[in-house]
Every structure is written in structure tokens, then in C-alpha cells.
Amino acid sequence: MSWTDERVSTLKKLWLDGLSASQIAKQLGGVTRNAVIGKVHRLGLSG
């Protein structure tokens, strides 16, 4: 799985909507909870 622009946009939207990393991973498919957490951190969205 690669982080395409579309997947990153979806991740940002779902994160800002308040979904958990596990919920986002399920919606995106092909990605783990930890991958979501790592990407959120690298994008500066955490906290």
C-alpha cells in the first residue's frame, strides 16, 4: 500500500472528523492502525 494523494486526503478528513486510527485503517483498507498513527504524526496532525 502506498500513500497516494487521495489516501492522504481521506486520512486527513477522517482524522479531523474524529475517527480513531483503527477506524481509519479499516476504512482505507490495506493499512494498519500503526501505519495510520505514523502517517498522522509525519503530517503533523497529531495532538
N, C-alpha and C. Protein backbone atom coordinates (compact mmCIF):
# COMPACT_ATOMS: atom_id res chain seq x y z
N MET A 1 0.86 -1.18 0.00
CA MET A 1 0.00 0.00 0.00
C MET A 1 0.89 1.23 0.00
N SER A 2 0.58 2.16 -0.87
CA SER A 2 1.31 3.42 -0.88
C SER A 2 0.36 4.55 -0.51
N TRP A 3 0.93 5.59 0.02
CA TRP A 3 0.13 6.75 0.44
C TRP A 3 -0.04 7.67 -0.76
N THR A 4 -1.08 7.44 -1.54
CA THR A 4 -1.39 8.32 -2.66
C THR A 4 -1.98 9.62 -2.11
N ASP A 5 -2.02 10.64 -2.95
CA ASP A 5 -2.61 11.92 -2.53
C ASP A 5 -4.05 11.73 -2.08
N GLU A 6 -4.77 10.87 -2.79
CA GLU A 6 -6.18 10.63 -2.45
C GLU A 6 -6.30 9.97 -1.07
N ARG A 7 -5.44 9.00 -0.80
CA ARG A 7 -5.49 8.32 0.51
C ARG A 7 -5.09 9.26 1.64
N VAL A 8 -4.11 10.13 1.38
CA VAL A 8 -3.70 11.11 2.39
C VAL A 8 -4.85 12.08 2.66
N SER A 9 -5.54 12.52 1.62
CA SER A 9 -6.69 13.41 1.79
C SER A 9 -7.77 12.75 2.62
N THR A 10 -8.05 11.48 2.32
CA THR A 10 -9.05 10.73 3.09
C THR A 10 -8.61 10.60 4.53
N LEU A 11 -7.35 10.28 4.75
CA LEU A 11 -6.82 10.16 6.11
C LEU A 11 -7.01 11.46 6.88
N LYS A 12 -6.63 12.58 6.27
CA LYS A 12 -6.77 13.88 6.94
C LYS A 12 -8.22 14.16 7.30
N LYS A 13 -9.12 13.93 6.35
CA LYS A 13 -10.53 14.21 6.60
C LYS A 13 -11.06 13.36 7.75
N LEU A 14 -10.79 12.06 7.70
CA LEU A 14 -11.29 11.16 8.74
C LEU A 14 -10.69 11.50 10.10
N TRP A 15 -9.40 11.84 10.12
CA TRP A 15 -8.74 12.19 11.39
C TRP A 15 -9.38 13.45 11.98
N LEU A 16 -9.59 14.45 11.13
CA LEU A 16 -10.18 15.71 11.60
C LEU A 16 -11.64 15.53 11.99
N ASP A 17 -12.29 14.51 11.42
CA ASP A 17 -13.67 14.18 11.81
C ASP A 17 -13.73 13.45 13.14
N GLY A 18 -12.56 13.08 13.67
CA GLY A 18 -12.52 12.47 15.00
C GLY A 18 -12.48 10.95 15.02
N LEU A 19 -12.29 10.32 13.86
CA LEU A 19 -12.21 8.86 13.85
C LEU A 19 -10.90 8.40 14.46
N SER A 20 -10.91 7.21 15.04
CA SER A 20 -9.69 6.65 15.63
C SER A 20 -8.81 6.08 14.52
N ALA A 21 -7.56 5.83 14.86
CA ALA A 21 -6.62 5.25 13.89
C ALA A 21 -7.13 3.89 13.41
N SER A 22 -7.70 3.11 14.31
CA SER A 22 -8.24 1.80 13.92
C SER A 22 -9.38 1.94 12.92
N GLN A 23 -10.27 2.89 13.18
CA GLN A 23 -11.41 3.11 12.28
C GLN A 23 -10.92 3.57 10.91
N ILE A 24 -9.94 4.45 10.90
CA ILE A 24 -9.39 4.95 9.64
C ILE A 24 -8.73 3.82 8.87
N ALA A 25 -7.97 2.98 9.56
CA ALA A 25 -7.31 1.85 8.91
C ALA A 25 -8.33 0.93 8.25
N LYS A 26 -9.43 0.68 8.93
CA LYS A 26 -10.48 -0.17 8.35
C LYS A 26 -11.08 0.47 7.10
N GLN A 27 -11.33 1.78 7.15
CA GLN A 27 -11.93 2.46 6.00
C GLN A 27 -10.98 2.50 4.81
N LEU A 28 -9.70 2.75 5.07
CA LEU A 28 -8.73 2.83 3.98
C LEU A 28 -8.44 1.46 3.39
N GLY A 29 -8.36 0.45 4.25
CA GLY A 29 -8.04 -0.90 3.81
C GLY A 29 -6.58 -1.03 3.41
N GLY A 30 -6.00 -2.17 3.71
CA GLY A 30 -4.62 -2.42 3.33
C GLY A 30 -3.59 -1.66 4.14
N VAL A 31 -4.01 -1.13 5.28
CA VAL A 31 -3.11 -0.36 6.13
C VAL A 31 -3.43 -0.68 7.58
N THR A 32 -2.40 -0.68 8.42
CA THR A 32 -2.60 -0.99 9.83
C THR A 32 -2.86 0.27 10.64
N ARG A 33 -3.33 0.06 11.84
CA ARG A 33 -3.55 1.15 12.79
C ARG A 33 -2.23 1.90 13.00
N ASN A 34 -1.13 1.17 13.17
CA ASN A 34 0.16 1.81 13.41
C ASN A 34 0.63 2.63 12.20
N ALA A 35 0.34 2.17 11.00
CA ALA A 35 0.70 2.94 9.81
C ALA A 35 -0.06 4.26 9.78
N VAL A 36 -1.33 4.22 10.18
CA VAL A 36 -2.14 5.44 10.25
C VAL A 36 -1.55 6.40 11.28
N ILE A 37 -1.22 5.87 12.46
CA ILE A 37 -0.65 6.71 13.52
C ILE A 37 0.66 7.35 13.05
N GLY A 38 1.51 6.57 12.40
CA GLY A 38 2.77 7.10 11.91
C GLY A 38 2.58 8.19 10.87
N LYS A 39 1.64 7.97 9.96
CA LYS A 39 1.39 8.96 8.91
C LYS A 39 0.81 10.24 9.50
N VAL A 40 -0.10 10.10 10.44
CA VAL A 40 -0.69 11.26 11.12
C VAL A 40 0.42 12.08 11.78
N HIS A 41 1.32 11.39 12.44
CA HIS A 41 2.43 12.07 13.12
C HIS A 41 3.32 12.80 12.10
N ARG A 42 3.67 12.12 11.00
CA ARG A 42 4.53 12.74 9.98
C ARG A 42 3.86 13.92 9.30
N LEU A 43 2.53 13.89 9.22
CA LEU A 43 1.79 15.01 8.62
C LEU A 43 1.60 16.16 9.60
N GLY A 44 1.95 15.94 10.86
CA GLY A 44 1.80 16.99 11.86
C GLY A 44 0.38 17.17 12.34
N LEU A 45 -0.43 16.12 12.22
CA LEU A 45 -1.84 16.20 12.62
C LEU A 45 -2.08 15.75 14.05
N SER A 46 -1.11 15.08 14.65
CA SER A 46 -1.34 14.51 15.98
C SER A 46 -1.49 15.60 17.03
N GLY A 47 -2.15 15.22 18.11
CA GLY A 47 -2.31 16.15 19.21
C GLY A 47 -3.56 16.82 19.14
